[in-house]
Amino acid sequence: MDYPQTPNPISNWAEEDRPREKMLHIGRQNLSNAELIAILLGSGSRNKSAVDLSKEILQANNNSLYELGKCSVADLTKFNGMGPAKAITLLAAMELGRRRKAETIQKKPVIKSAKDAHQVLAPYLTDLPHEEFWLLCLNRANHVTKALRISEGGMTGTVADPKKIFLKALEMQAASIIIAHNHPSGNTTPSEADLKITKKIKEGGQLLDLPILDHLIITDHTYLSFADEGLL
């Protein structure tokens, strides 16, 4: 008769093999993704260590932190040994990583192309299950002075109110603006509504002497520039 294999808990491992001790002695950069996640989880289940549980979660997400960052609490609690508390801890760490990347906006980068604008906006608009509409305010030297979320909606759309866009831009004393929204579907093709709102905002900007330099549609892997495509 075969008996179930007894897991080897981390507490029984040699000290140099335990994730926390390894980080202390050899540095965080030398730990695997699974070991770093195991530190966040703290424990595994009756049948697997925290590291084994972390490996299982990573494998289910193609060993991609990018894919893992798109998981919900419900997705993570499907794994044996992952309760809501562990799932929330892991997702909080992923969100902190996303926000850390987004903080590069504080350096006030200069926008010379759609690519520059995408680099600023991508941290805000990727990994989202819903659409959001954002505004970049620029000064006369094309330095970003503020990135603002204007609205958020569902999987297939969000409302962009031109009045709110111009109110925020004028409050920030912007010399010009760039607008952007994401398509969670991954399709960068602008909808009829996208084209109409862009035209409306462009016309409003002309009346206010507040030019719109571009409108970006951003997905998790790429983007479309209305200016580059001659749609502005």
Protein backbone atom coordinates (compact mmCIF):
# COMPACT_ATOMS: atom_id res chain seq x y z
CA MET A 1 0.00 0.00 0.00
CA ASP A 2 1.32 3.43 -0.93
CA TYR A 3 1.06 6.08 1.74
CA PRO A 4 0.79 9.79 0.86
CA GLN A 5 4.14 11.50 0.82
CA THR A 6 4.77 13.70 3.83
CA PRO A 7 5.80 17.21 2.73
CA ASN A 8 9.07 18.61 3.90
CA PRO A 9 8.17 21.95 5.54
CA ILE A 10 10.49 24.91 5.14
CA SER A 11 11.19 24.80 8.87
CA ASN A 12 12.96 21.46 8.32
CA TRP A 13 15.19 22.81 5.54
CA ALA A 14 18.82 23.75 6.05
CA GLU A 15 18.95 27.39 7.11
CA GLU A 16 20.77 28.44 3.93
CA ASP A 17 17.91 27.02 1.83
CA ARG A 18 15.08 28.87 3.59
CA PRO A 19 13.84 31.88 1.57
CA ARG A 20 13.98 34.41 4.44
CA GLU A 21 17.43 33.30 5.52
CA LYS A 22 18.65 33.24 1.91
CA MET A 23 17.51 36.81 1.41
CA LEU A 24 19.26 37.87 4.60
CA HIS A 25 22.53 36.22 3.67
CA ILE A 26 22.79 36.47 -0.10
CA GLY A 27 20.39 39.28 -1.02
CA ARG A 28 16.91 39.49 -2.50
CA GLN A 29 18.19 39.61 -6.07
CA ASN A 30 19.47 36.03 -5.71
CA LEU A 31 16.11 34.50 -4.81
CA SER A 32 13.84 32.91 -7.39
CA ASN A 33 10.37 34.30 -8.02
CA ALA A 34 8.89 31.32 -6.18
CA GLU A 35 11.07 31.97 -3.13
CA LEU A 36 10.11 35.64 -3.04
CA ILE A 37 6.42 34.75 -3.28
CA ALA A 38 6.89 32.12 -0.55
CA ILE A 39 8.13 34.84 1.80
CA LEU A 40 4.90 36.75 1.20
CA LEU A 41 2.72 33.67 1.73
CA GLY A 42 4.51 32.63 4.91
CA SER A 43 3.19 29.07 4.77
CA GLY A 44 1.92 26.46 2.35
CA SER A 45 -0.66 23.76 2.93
CA ARG A 46 -0.70 20.35 4.61
CA ASN A 47 0.69 18.78 1.45
CA LYS A 48 3.16 21.36 0.18
CA SER A 49 5.60 23.99 1.40
CA ALA A 50 5.18 27.69 0.72
CA VAL A 51 7.79 27.41 -2.04
CA ASP A 52 5.97 24.48 -3.66
CA LEU A 53 2.68 26.39 -3.48
CA SER A 54 4.37 29.41 -5.04
CA LYS A 55 5.74 27.26 -7.87
CA GLU A 56 2.28 25.82 -8.49
CA ILE A 57 0.75 29.31 -8.73
CA LEU A 58 3.51 30.52 -11.05
CA GLN A 59 3.20 27.47 -13.31
CA ALA A 60 -0.53 28.06 -13.61
CA ASN A 61 0.30 31.57 -14.83
CA ASN A 62 2.92 30.48 -17.38
CA ASN A 63 5.70 31.32 -14.89
CA SER A 64 4.96 34.98 -15.66
CA LEU A 65 4.77 37.69 -13.01
CA TYR A 66 2.97 39.76 -15.63
CA GLU A 67 0.19 37.16 -15.83
CA LEU A 68 0.17 36.71 -12.07
CA GLY A 69 -0.39 40.44 -11.63
CA LYS A 70 -3.69 40.14 -13.50
CA CYS A 71 -5.11 37.55 -11.08
CA SER A 72 -7.93 38.34 -8.68
CA VAL A 73 -8.42 37.14 -5.12
CA ALA A 74 -10.93 34.62 -6.47
CA ASP A 75 -8.35 33.31 -8.95
CA LEU A 76 -5.72 32.78 -6.26
CA THR A 77 -7.95 31.22 -3.62
CA LYS A 78 -8.67 28.35 -6.02
CA PHE A 79 -5.27 26.93 -5.03
CA ASN A 80 -5.20 24.63 -2.04
CA GLY A 81 -3.47 26.50 0.77
CA MET A 82 -4.30 29.97 -0.55
CA GLY A 83 -6.86 31.70 1.64
CA PRO A 84 -8.10 35.27 1.15
CA ALA A 85 -5.44 36.70 3.48
CA LYS A 86 -2.56 35.19 1.48
CA ALA A 87 -4.15 36.18 -1.82
CA ILE A 88 -4.61 39.78 -0.66
CA THR A 89 -1.00 39.93 0.59
CA LEU A 90 0.32 38.70 -2.77
CA LEU A 91 -1.86 41.06 -4.81
CA ALA A 92 -0.90 43.99 -2.57
CA ALA A 93 2.77 43.28 -3.31
CA MET A 94 2.03 43.13 -7.05
CA GLU A 95 0.17 46.44 -6.87
CA LEU A 96 3.05 48.08 -5.01
CA GLY A 97 5.37 46.95 -7.80
CA ARG A 98 3.04 48.47 -10.38
CA ARG A 99 2.83 51.75 -8.47
CA ARG A 100 6.60 51.87 -8.04
CA LYS A 101 6.96 51.68 -11.79
CA ALA A 102 4.33 54.36 -12.24
CA GLU A 103 6.18 56.78 -9.97
CA THR A 104 8.63 57.55 -12.78
CA ILE A 105 6.04 60.18 -13.72
CA GLN A 106 7.45 62.31 -10.90
CA LYS A 107 10.59 62.90 -12.94
CA LYS A 108 8.54 65.05 -15.35
CA PRO A 109 9.70 63.43 -18.57
CA VAL A 110 9.64 65.37 -21.81
CA ILE A 111 7.28 64.10 -24.50
CA LYS A 112 8.79 64.11 -27.98
CA SER A 113 6.84 61.24 -29.52
CA ALA A 114 3.96 58.84 -29.02
CA LYS A 115 6.49 56.35 -27.66
CA ASP A 116 7.44 58.79 -24.88
CA ALA A 117 3.78 59.28 -23.98
CA HIS A 118 3.22 55.53 -23.96
CA GLN A 119 6.13 54.98 -21.58
CA VAL A 120 4.57 57.42 -19.13
CA LEU A 121 1.02 56.11 -19.41
CA ALA A 122 1.56 52.35 -19.76
CA PRO A 123 2.16 51.72 -16.02
CA TYR A 124 -1.27 53.21 -15.30
CA LEU A 125 -3.19 51.52 -18.10
CA THR A 126 -1.85 47.97 -18.36
CA ASP A 127 -2.93 44.94 -16.31
CA LEU A 128 -6.44 46.42 -15.91
CA PRO A 129 -9.60 44.33 -16.43
CA HIS A 130 -11.63 47.48 -17.19
CA GLU A 131 -11.24 50.62 -19.31
CA GLU A 132 -9.88 53.86 -17.90
CA PHE A 133 -9.45 57.27 -19.52
CA TRP A 134 -6.35 59.32 -18.61
CA LEU A 135 -5.07 62.82 -19.26
CA LEU A 136 -1.45 63.98 -19.56
CA CYS A 137 -0.91 67.68 -18.92
CA LEU A 138 2.17 69.23 -20.53
CA ASN A 139 3.90 72.58 -20.10
CA ARG A 140 5.26 74.71 -22.95
CA ALA A 141 8.48 72.66 -23.00
CA ASN A 142 6.41 69.46 -23.37
CA HIS A 143 7.35 68.27 -19.89
CA VAL A 144 4.66 66.22 -18.16
CA THR A 145 3.27 68.19 -15.24
CA LYS A 146 0.49 65.79 -14.24
CA ALA A 147 -1.09 62.48 -15.16
CA LEU A 148 -4.75 62.28 -14.19
CA ARG A 149 -7.37 59.56 -14.37
CA ILE A 150 -10.54 61.08 -15.81
CA SER A 151 -12.86 58.09 -15.61
CA GLU A 152 -13.12 54.33 -15.39
CA GLY A 153 -15.71 51.97 -16.76
CA GLY A 154 -16.26 48.35 -17.69
CA MET A 155 -14.67 45.83 -20.01
CA THR A 156 -15.86 47.55 -23.17
CA GLY A 157 -15.90 51.26 -22.50
CA THR A 158 -15.61 54.28 -20.26
CA VAL A 159 -17.09 57.76 -20.44
CA ALA A 160 -14.73 60.61 -21.30
CA ASP A 161 -16.39 63.92 -20.46
CA PRO A 162 -14.69 66.75 -22.41
CA LYS A 163 -15.81 69.28 -19.81
CA LYS A 164 -13.98 67.39 -17.06
CA ILE A 165 -10.91 66.95 -19.26
CA PHE A 166 -10.64 70.67 -20.00
CA LEU A 167 -11.44 71.65 -16.41
CA LYS A 168 -8.56 69.50 -15.11
CA ALA A 169 -6.21 70.72 -17.85
CA LEU A 170 -6.99 74.37 -17.12
CA GLU A 171 -6.59 73.81 -13.37
CA MET A 172 -3.11 72.45 -14.09
CA GLN A 173 -2.38 75.38 -16.43
CA ALA A 174 -1.49 72.93 -19.17
CA ALA A 175 -0.09 74.30 -22.42
CA SER A 176 -1.15 71.14 -24.27
CA ILE A 177 -2.62 67.74 -23.48
CA ILE A 178 -2.46 64.09 -24.46
CA ILE A 179 -5.38 61.80 -23.79
CA ALA A 180 -5.33 58.01 -23.53
CA HIS A 181 -7.44 55.03 -22.68
CA ASN A 182 -6.88 51.29 -22.57
CA HIS A 183 -8.51 48.38 -24.37
CA PRO A 184 -8.44 45.30 -22.09
CA SER A 185 -9.35 43.20 -25.13
CA GLY A 186 -5.90 43.82 -26.61
CA ASN A 187 -7.37 45.30 -29.81
CA THR A 188 -5.95 48.73 -30.65
CA THR A 189 -8.49 49.51 -33.37
CA PRO A 190 -10.35 52.71 -32.41
CA SER A 191 -14.11 52.43 -32.13
CA GLU A 192 -16.52 54.91 -33.68
CA ALA A 193 -16.99 56.36 -30.19
CA ASP A 194 -13.20 56.75 -29.85
CA LEU A 195 -13.05 58.71 -33.10
CA LYS A 196 -15.99 60.92 -32.16
CA ILE A 197 -14.71 61.83 -28.70
CA THR A 198 -11.26 62.59 -30.11
CA LYS A 199 -12.76 64.95 -32.68
CA LYS A 200 -14.88 66.61 -30.01
CA ILE A 201 -11.92 67.13 -27.65
CA LYS A 202 -9.74 68.42 -30.50
CA GLU A 203 -12.37 71.00 -31.47
CA GLY A 204 -12.79 72.06 -27.83
CA GLY A 205 -9.04 72.42 -27.44
CA GLN A 206 -8.87 74.68 -30.48
CA LEU A 207 -11.47 77.01 -28.95
CA LEU A 208 -9.53 77.15 -25.68
CA ASP A 209 -6.10 77.42 -27.34
CA LEU A 210 -5.26 74.14 -25.63
CA PRO A 211 -4.05 71.73 -28.32
CA ILE A 212 -4.44 67.98 -28.02
CA LEU A 213 -1.18 66.45 -29.22
CA ASP A 214 -2.27 62.83 -29.31
CA HIS A 215 -4.75 60.20 -28.24
CA LEU A 216 -3.32 56.79 -27.36
CA ILE A 217 -5.14 53.49 -27.19
CA ILE A 218 -3.07 51.28 -24.90
CA THR A 219 -3.16 47.52 -24.49
CA ASP A 220 -1.05 45.24 -22.34
CA HIS A 221 1.47 44.72 -25.15
CA THR A 222 1.23 47.62 -27.59
CA TYR A 223 -0.48 50.91 -28.39
CA LEU A 224 -1.98 52.99 -31.19
CA SER A 225 -1.26 56.69 -31.65
CA PHE A 226 -3.98 58.75 -33.31
CA ALA A 227 -1.34 61.32 -34.32
CA ASP A 228 0.95 58.74 -35.90
CA GLU A 229 -1.97 57.15 -37.75
CA GLY A 230 -3.27 60.47 -39.10
CA LEU A 231 -6.49 60.18 -37.09
CA LEU A 232 -6.08 63.38 -35.08
